[in-house]
Protein backbone atom coordinates (compact mmCIF):
# COMPACT_ATOMS: atom_id res chain seq x y z
CA MET A 1 -66.24 43.53 7.87
CA PHE A 2 -63.16 44.20 5.93
CA SER A 3 -60.28 41.67 5.01
CA ARG A 4 -56.49 42.85 6.16
CA GLY A 5 -55.83 42.84 2.60
CA ALA A 6 -59.66 45.02 1.87
CA ARG A 7 -57.65 47.91 4.66
CA ASP A 8 -54.28 47.81 3.36
CA TRP A 9 -55.55 48.41 -0.47
CA LEU A 10 -57.66 51.69 1.22
CA ARG A 11 -54.47 52.44 2.81
CA HIS A 12 -52.10 52.39 -0.31
CA ASN A 13 -55.21 54.79 -2.35
CA ASP A 14 -54.49 56.92 0.48
CA LYS A 15 -51.65 57.15 0.04
CA VAL A 16 -51.26 57.90 -3.43
CA ARG A 17 -54.09 60.37 -2.82
CA GLU A 18 -51.87 62.12 -0.61
CA ALA A 19 -48.93 61.74 -3.06
CA VAL A 20 -50.23 63.13 -6.23
CA GLN A 21 -51.88 66.00 -4.17
CA ASN A 22 -48.42 67.07 -3.19
CA HIS A 23 -46.95 66.92 -6.70
CA LEU A 24 -49.66 68.83 -8.59
CA PRO A 25 -48.06 72.17 -8.99
CA GLU A 26 -45.08 69.93 -10.75
CA LEU A 27 -47.34 67.76 -12.06
CA ILE A 28 -49.47 70.51 -13.76
CA ALA A 29 -46.80 72.38 -15.18
CA GLY A 30 -45.14 70.26 -17.57
CA PRO A 31 -44.73 71.80 -20.91
CA ASP A 32 -45.59 69.51 -23.17
CA LEU A 33 -49.55 68.82 -21.50
CA ILE A 34 -51.11 70.76 -23.79
CA THR A 35 -48.98 69.83 -27.62
CA GLY A 36 -48.35 66.13 -26.67
CA PRO A 37 -50.13 63.31 -27.65
CA GLN A 38 -53.69 62.38 -26.60
CA GLU A 39 -52.17 59.33 -24.61
CA ARG A 40 -50.24 60.94 -22.21
CA THR A 41 -48.90 60.19 -18.89
CA VAL A 42 -46.91 61.50 -16.05
CA GLN A 43 -44.92 59.57 -13.31
CA VAL A 44 -45.48 60.60 -9.59
CA PRO A 45 -42.82 58.78 -6.64
CA VAL A 46 -44.66 57.52 -3.89
CA ARG A 47 -42.70 56.04 -0.41
CA LEU A 48 -42.98 52.38 -0.86
CA LEU A 49 -45.58 51.47 1.96
CA GLU A 50 -44.19 49.09 4.95
CA HIS A 51 -46.56 47.46 7.68
CA ALA A 52 -45.50 48.63 11.01
CA ARG A 53 -43.03 46.33 12.99
CA PHE A 54 -39.93 46.07 16.09
CA ARG A 55 -36.73 46.61 13.96
CA LEU A 56 -33.57 44.72 16.46
CA SER A 57 -30.46 47.19 16.84
CA ASP A 58 -27.75 47.51 14.67
CA ALA A 59 -25.04 45.25 15.73
CA ARG A 60 -22.49 48.33 15.56
CA THR A 61 -24.32 50.10 17.40
CA GLU A 62 -22.27 52.24 19.81
CA SER A 63 -23.03 52.18 23.47
CA GLY A 64 -25.12 55.20 24.45
CA ALA A 65 -28.91 55.17 25.15
CA GLY A 66 -30.99 52.60 24.84
CA GLN A 67 -28.01 50.29 25.36
CA GLY A 68 -27.88 51.01 29.07
CA ASP A 69 -27.63 54.07 31.65
CA GLY A 70 -26.97 58.05 30.06
CA HIS A 71 -26.42 60.92 31.93
CA PRO A 72 -27.34 64.49 30.37
CA GLY A 73 -24.30 65.43 28.11
CA ASP A 74 -23.74 62.26 27.22
CA VAL A 75 -22.59 61.92 23.77
CA LEU A 76 -24.14 59.14 21.73
CA ARG A 77 -22.13 59.53 18.96
CA GLN A 78 -19.51 61.65 17.34
CA GLY A 79 -20.82 63.91 14.45
CA ARG A 80 -19.18 64.08 11.66
CA PRO A 81 -17.05 66.67 10.39
CA ASP A 82 -18.00 69.05 7.72
CA PRO A 83 -17.00 68.01 4.70
CA GLY A 84 -13.74 70.52 2.72
CA PRO A 85 -14.21 70.74 -1.02
CA ASP A 86 -12.56 67.42 -2.13
CA GLU A 87 -14.83 66.18 0.17
CA ALA A 88 -17.68 67.13 -0.95
CA ALA A 89 -16.59 66.90 -4.91
CA GLU A 90 -16.21 63.38 -4.25
CA PRO A 91 -18.82 62.28 -1.37
CA ASP A 92 -19.08 58.60 0.23
CA GLY A 93 -21.48 55.58 -0.87
CA GLY A 94 -22.61 55.75 2.76
CA ASP A 95 -24.33 52.52 4.55
CA SER A 96 -27.04 54.01 6.28
CA ASP A 97 -31.02 52.96 5.62
CA GLY A 98 -32.36 54.37 3.01
CA GLU A 99 -35.64 55.08 1.76
CA VAL A 100 -37.27 53.74 -1.48
CA ARG A 101 -39.63 55.21 -3.34
CA LEU A 102 -42.06 53.81 -6.74
CA LEU A 103 -42.81 55.60 -9.54
CA LEU A 104 -45.90 55.16 -10.15
CA GLU A 105 -47.69 56.10 -13.91
CA PHE A 106 -50.77 57.80 -14.16
CA SER A 107 -52.56 58.95 -17.35
CA ILE A 108 -53.19 63.07 -17.49
CA ASP A 109 -57.21 62.30 -17.67
CA ASP A 110 -56.26 60.43 -14.08
CA VAL A 111 -54.70 64.02 -13.13
CA MET A 112 -56.98 66.11 -14.25
CA ASP A 113 -59.73 64.34 -11.98
CA TRP A 114 -57.53 64.89 -8.64
CA VAL A 115 -57.31 68.44 -9.53
CA TRP A 116 -60.78 68.96 -9.58
CA ASN A 117 -61.46 66.60 -6.86
CA GLU A 118 -62.39 69.57 -5.02
CA LEU A 119 -62.53 72.63 -6.87
CA LYS A 120 -66.50 74.11 -9.00
CA LEU A 121 -67.74 77.28 -10.32
CA PRO A 122 -68.12 80.11 -8.22
CA ASP A 123 -71.14 81.92 -7.32
CA LEU A 124 -73.30 78.79 -9.08
CA ARG A 125 -77.31 79.66 -8.84
CA PRO A 126 -80.06 78.18 -10.25
CA LYS A 127 -82.07 80.33 -12.89
CA PRO A 128 -85.98 80.20 -14.24
CA GLY A 129 -86.56 78.12 -16.68
CA ASP A 130 -83.98 75.54 -16.41
CA ARG A 131 -85.70 71.68 -17.55
CA ILE A 132 -85.83 68.88 -15.05
CA ASP A 133 -83.60 66.61 -17.43
CA GLU A 134 -81.16 65.35 -15.15
CA PHE A 135 -81.23 61.77 -13.49
CA GLU A 136 -79.19 60.38 -10.58
CA TYR A 137 -79.34 56.65 -8.72
CA VAL A 138 -80.07 56.87 -5.07
CA ARG A 139 -79.95 54.08 -2.43
CA GLU A 140 -83.65 53.73 -1.20
CA GLY A 141 -84.48 50.88 1.45
CA TRP A 142 -84.19 47.20 1.02
CA ASP A 143 -85.74 44.22 -0.99
CA LYS A 144 -85.74 40.66 -0.58
CA ARG A 145 -84.28 39.74 -3.70
CA GLY A 146 -82.14 42.21 -5.93
CA ALA A 147 -78.34 41.43 -7.63
CA ARG A 148 -75.72 40.21 -5.34
CA SER A 149 -73.02 42.72 -5.81
CA ARG A 150 -75.96 45.27 -3.66
CA LEU A 151 -76.66 42.62 -0.61
CA ASP A 152 -76.63 44.17 2.52
CA ARG A 153 -74.78 41.94 4.65
CA ARG A 154 -74.65 43.93 8.03
CA ARG A 155 -78.50 43.96 7.47
CA THR A 156 -78.81 40.59 6.27
CA VAL A 157 -77.02 39.69 9.64
CA LYS A 158 -79.80 41.58 11.85
CA GLU A 159 -82.47 39.81 10.42
CA ALA A 160 -81.19 36.28 11.31
CA ILE A 161 -80.80 37.47 14.56
CA LYS A 162 -84.35 38.77 15.11
CA ARG A 163 -85.47 35.41 13.33
CA ARG A 164 -83.05 33.26 15.17
CA ALA A 165 -84.51 35.12 18.28
CA VAL A 166 -87.74 33.91 18.48
CA GLN A 167 -87.22 30.51 16.63
CA ALA A 168 -86.85 27.11 18.83
CA ASP A 169 -84.72 25.54 16.72
CA PRO A 170 -83.05 28.28 14.33
CA VAL A 171 -80.69 27.75 11.19
CA PRO A 172 -77.65 29.85 11.22
CA PHE A 173 -79.36 31.34 7.90
CA THR A 174 -82.15 31.22 5.34
CA ASN A 175 -83.08 32.99 2.55
CA ASP A 176 -85.75 35.35 4.21
CA ASP A 177 -82.95 36.57 6.35
CA LEU A 178 -81.18 38.32 2.53
CA ARG A 179 -81.46 42.14 1.98
CA PHE A 180 -80.28 43.78 -0.63
CA ARG A 181 -80.35 47.64 -1.22
CA GLN A 182 -82.44 48.62 -3.89
CA LEU A 183 -81.31 51.60 -6.24
CA VAL A 184 -83.91 54.12 -7.85
CA THR A 185 -83.99 57.15 -9.99
CA ARG A 186 -84.76 60.98 -9.54
CA ARG A 187 -85.01 63.71 -10.83
CA ARG A 188 -82.82 66.95 -10.25
CA PRO A 189 -82.69 69.97 -11.98
CA SER A 190 -80.30 70.60 -14.23
CA THR A 191 -78.07 74.21 -14.57
CA SER A 192 -76.67 75.00 -17.53
CA ALA A 193 -73.34 77.79 -17.45
CA VAL A 194 -71.28 79.37 -20.22
CA ILE A 195 -67.43 79.68 -19.94
CA LEU A 196 -65.58 82.62 -21.76
CA PHE A 197 -61.86 82.16 -22.19
CA VAL A 198 -60.40 85.47 -23.93
CA ILE A 199 -56.46 86.18 -23.76
CA ASP A 200 -54.17 88.69 -24.87
CA VAL A 201 -52.22 88.40 -27.95
CA SER A 202 -50.44 91.35 -28.86
CA ALA A 203 -46.94 91.66 -29.71
CA SER A 204 -46.35 92.49 -26.09
CA MET A 205 -47.34 88.93 -25.16
CA THR A 206 -43.98 87.20 -25.65
CA GLN A 207 -44.25 82.87 -26.17
CA ILE A 208 -43.06 82.13 -22.65
CA GLU A 209 -46.19 84.62 -21.46
CA ARG A 210 -49.41 82.62 -24.11
CA ASN A 211 -48.10 79.17 -23.12
CA LEU A 212 -48.18 80.60 -19.14
CA ALA A 213 -52.11 81.68 -20.44
CA LYS A 214 -53.19 78.84 -22.23
CA SER A 215 -51.90 75.91 -19.49
CA PHE A 216 -54.45 77.66 -17.21
CA PHE A 217 -56.95 77.47 -19.72
CA PHE A 218 -56.29 74.11 -20.79
CA PHE A 219 -56.67 72.97 -17.34
CA ALA A 220 -59.69 75.09 -16.27
CA LEU A 221 -61.17 73.92 -19.08
CA GLN A 222 -60.80 70.15 -19.12
CA GLY A 223 -61.44 70.23 -15.33
CA ILE A 224 -64.88 72.20 -15.63
CA ARG A 225 -66.03 69.36 -18.71
CA ARG A 226 -65.05 66.78 -16.44
CA LYS A 227 -67.42 67.82 -13.36
CA TYR A 228 -69.90 69.38 -15.20
CA ALA A 229 -72.25 67.85 -17.76
CA ARG A 230 -73.99 70.94 -19.82
CA VAL A 231 -71.05 73.82 -20.28
CA GLU A 232 -70.66 75.85 -23.33
CA THR A 233 -67.65 77.61 -24.28
CA ARG A 234 -66.63 80.32 -25.97
CA PHE A 235 -63.07 81.78 -26.93
CA ILE A 236 -61.68 85.00 -27.72
CA ALA A 237 -58.55 86.36 -28.92
CA HIS A 238 -57.38 90.00 -29.36
CA THR A 239 -54.81 92.87 -30.32
CA THR A 240 -56.30 96.32 -31.18
CA HIS A 241 -59.20 94.23 -32.62
CA ALA A 242 -60.95 91.15 -31.34
CA TRP A 243 -62.60 87.54 -32.73
CA GLU A 244 -63.70 84.59 -31.69
CA PHE A 245 -62.54 81.36 -32.48
CA SER A 246 -62.65 77.70 -32.15
CA GLU A 247 -61.64 75.92 -29.56
CA SER A 248 -58.44 74.21 -31.87
CA GLU A 249 -57.59 77.57 -33.04
CA PHE A 250 -57.69 79.16 -29.55
CA PHE A 251 -54.82 77.76 -28.25
CA GLN A 252 -53.04 77.75 -31.27
CA VAL A 253 -52.76 81.46 -31.51
CA SER A 254 -50.88 84.39 -31.59
CA GLY A 255 -50.64 88.14 -33.19
CA ILE A 256 -49.06 91.17 -33.42
CA GLY A 257 -49.69 94.86 -32.60
CA GLY A 258 -51.03 96.81 -30.21
CA THR A 259 -53.16 96.12 -27.07
CA ILE A 260 -56.45 97.48 -26.64
CA ALA A 261 -58.32 94.91 -23.89
CA SER A 262 -61.85 96.77 -24.39
CA SER A 263 -62.10 95.23 -28.13
CA ALA A 264 -62.47 92.03 -26.76
CA PHE A 265 -64.65 93.35 -23.71
CA ARG A 266 -67.03 94.43 -26.61
CA LEU A 267 -67.27 91.44 -28.13
CA ALA A 268 -67.84 89.68 -25.16
CA LEU A 269 -70.78 92.06 -24.33
CA GLU A 270 -72.09 91.29 -27.75
CA LEU A 271 -71.99 87.44 -27.55
CA VAL A 272 -73.88 88.04 -23.58
CA GLY A 273 -76.32 89.85 -25.29
CA GLN A 274 -77.58 88.35 -28.68
CA GLN A 275 -76.65 84.99 -27.74
CA LEU A 276 -76.42 83.75 -24.10
CA ASP A 277 -79.05 84.67 -22.03
CA PRO A 278 -77.60 85.78 -18.44
CA ALA A 279 -81.44 85.13 -16.84
CA HIS A 280 -80.41 81.45 -18.41
CA ASN A 281 -77.37 80.80 -18.09
CA ASN A 282 -74.55 81.03 -15.53
CA ILE A 283 -71.97 83.14 -17.43
CA TYR A 284 -68.14 83.25 -16.81
CA LEU A 285 -65.48 84.84 -18.37
CA PHE A 286 -61.59 84.44 -17.52
CA TYR A 287 -59.22 86.49 -19.40
CA ALA A 288 -55.64 85.87 -19.46
CA SER A 289 -53.23 89.57 -19.99
CA ASP A 290 -49.61 90.32 -19.74
CA GLY A 291 -52.00 93.58 -17.63
CA GLU A 292 -50.42 95.98 -20.74
CA ASN A 293 -53.30 98.12 -22.68
CA PHE A 294 -53.32 101.23 -24.51
CA THR A 295 -53.65 104.52 -22.15
CA GLU A 296 -56.23 105.89 -24.08
CA ASP A 297 -58.17 103.10 -23.88
CA ARG A 298 -58.31 102.40 -19.84
CA GLY A 299 -61.75 104.59 -19.77
CA ALA A 300 -63.51 102.28 -22.17
CA ALA A 301 -62.28 99.01 -20.86
CA THR A 302 -63.84 100.05 -17.16
CA LEU A 303 -66.52 100.64 -19.06
CA ALA A 304 -66.95 97.78 -20.39
CA LEU A 305 -65.68 95.43 -17.73
CA GLY A 306 -68.04 97.35 -15.46
CA GLU A 307 -70.92 95.93 -17.36
CA LEU A 308 -69.66 92.61 -17.77
CA GLY A 309 -69.56 92.62 -13.98
CA ALA A 310 -72.90 93.55 -13.88
CA VAL A 311 -74.20 90.42 -15.31
CA LEU A 312 -71.73 87.97 -15.27
CA ASN A 313 -71.57 85.39 -12.40
CA HIS A 314 -67.89 85.51 -12.08
CA ILE A 315 -64.63 87.19 -13.51
CA GLY A 316 -61.44 85.78 -13.40
CA TYR A 317 -58.15 87.91 -14.48
CA VAL A 318 -55.03 86.01 -14.63
CA GLU A 319 -51.55 87.93 -15.57
CA THR A 320 -48.64 86.28 -17.04
CA LEU A 321 -45.48 87.81 -15.09
CA PRO A 322 -42.65 85.45 -15.90
CA GLY A 323 -38.94 86.19 -13.90
CA ALA A 324 -38.72 89.29 -11.93
CA PRO A 325 -42.23 90.61 -10.13
CA ARG A 326 -43.25 94.28 -11.18
CA THR A 327 -43.18 96.65 -9.04
CA LEU A 328 -46.19 98.62 -9.83
CA GLU A 329 -49.21 97.17 -10.63
CA THR A 330 -49.94 97.51 -14.20
CA GLU A 331 -53.25 98.57 -15.85
CA MET A 332 -55.24 95.78 -15.93
CA ARG A 333 -54.81 94.77 -12.20
CA ARG A 334 -55.40 98.26 -11.81
CA LEU A 335 -59.07 98.11 -13.45
CA CYS A 336 -59.66 94.72 -12.32
CA ASN A 337 -58.89 95.90 -8.66
CA GLU A 338 -60.77 99.24 -8.77
CA LEU A 339 -63.77 96.88 -9.96
CA ALA A 340 -63.52 94.39 -6.46
CA ARG A 341 -63.38 97.14 -4.80
CA ARG A 342 -66.73 98.01 -5.99
CA GLY A 343 -68.06 95.11 -5.29
CA LEU A 344 -68.16 92.96 -8.34
CA PRO A 345 -66.90 89.41 -8.93
CA VAL A 346 -63.69 90.03 -10.36
CA SER A 347 -60.53 88.42 -9.10
CA SER A 348 -57.22 87.91 -10.11
CA SER A 349 -54.22 86.43 -10.15
CA VAL A 350 -50.72 86.03 -11.07
CA LEU A 351 -48.95 83.36 -13.61
CA ALA A 352 -44.83 84.05 -13.09
CA SER A 353 -43.98 80.05 -13.25
CA PRO A 354 -45.71 76.90 -14.65
CA GLU A 355 -46.09 76.14 -10.99
CA ASP A 356 -49.02 79.02 -10.15
CA VAL A 357 -51.41 77.35 -12.26
CA TRP A 358 -52.25 75.25 -9.52
CA LYS A 359 -52.60 78.14 -7.37
CA ALA A 360 -54.63 80.29 -9.52
CA LEU A 361 -56.74 77.24 -10.46
CA ARG A 362 -57.37 76.59 -6.57
CA GLN A 363 -57.80 80.77 -5.94
CA PHE A 364 -60.73 80.57 -8.46
CA PHE A 365 -62.48 77.33 -8.58
CA SER A 366 -61.68 76.44 -4.68
CA ASP A 367 -64.64 73.84 -2.97
CA GLU A 368 -63.62 76.42 0.33
CA ALA A 369 -65.30 79.54 -0.05
CA GLN A 370 -68.58 78.36 -2.23
CA THR A 371 -71.87 77.84 -1.22
CA GLU A 372 -73.71 78.23 -4.27
CA LEU A 373 -76.11 75.69 -6.11
CA GLU A 374 -73.31 72.99 -7.32
CA LEU A 375 -74.25 71.81 -11.44
CA VAL A 376 -74.93 68.45 -12.32
CA PRO A 377 -71.64 65.88 -13.15
């Protein structure tokens, strides 16, 4: 049903998809993606695709396998000795066959589509009182009239064969043989969700650590908005006190002072209790910190985060850890691990470098471990 050109085009798209997916950690690790211009692009190396063909042996090839009888232990070609210091400094140009790679340019929007192709919000559940206001187009049945682009060739051929089987002198095709796929609209329930992004901006959070956290938030936010129709977002930053910010202010905010994580968790509890109804919304919280917290705040932070875990769909904690890994558990990681052992929906991930952003996205939004209802795109 497809020409060779169409098959090659589909194969090329598959190769491009594979190349982009293999380079996703490097693509989303760019330092200027968040603060760069609106029209941003990245380049992805893709192998030059060739059709399979027989290739004749090079005339300079020495005798050996393929040129005559061979015996076990025969040397096919003398190995090149290890280069010395001088040779390593000035390598030869070489004359062996190389590999050509193309650099394809993609917009950041295209890359985000690749990133979120298999990701979605975890533990998404239907809520009572959802409005049935989302529509989708589905194929349903055939008709003898329709748009040319929806012509079903296979069904048309079948109708023509059935007609010619009962006619004495049939013509190849008639207009009555044509069958067009029909599209109908269906309603389906839509589920609303609220995402709380919380970040520690105290003096212990360096600029590198803040950039790592904001990179994760940026890609998570962009992907969620692409995949889901109705998602509300709230942004909170804290030192010893917590404040709610707009989206633009959130990605630029910095602070000084100590760290009291419970202030942010209490503010999130106030928003959930007064403005966001867990009975009618799927609510998620993603918190980024360097792991440090005021020791005397341990009890209050445990209590507030435990109350959030009891009503939220999921809590994701990302710990910024550039450089050498810490040998001991931090205060916040110990708290999250304790809540996870109690059965609360809490998970954590470590951001040691920009490449870890992709790992964190897959850990929190992986499609493989999720079986709950999906939001309507």
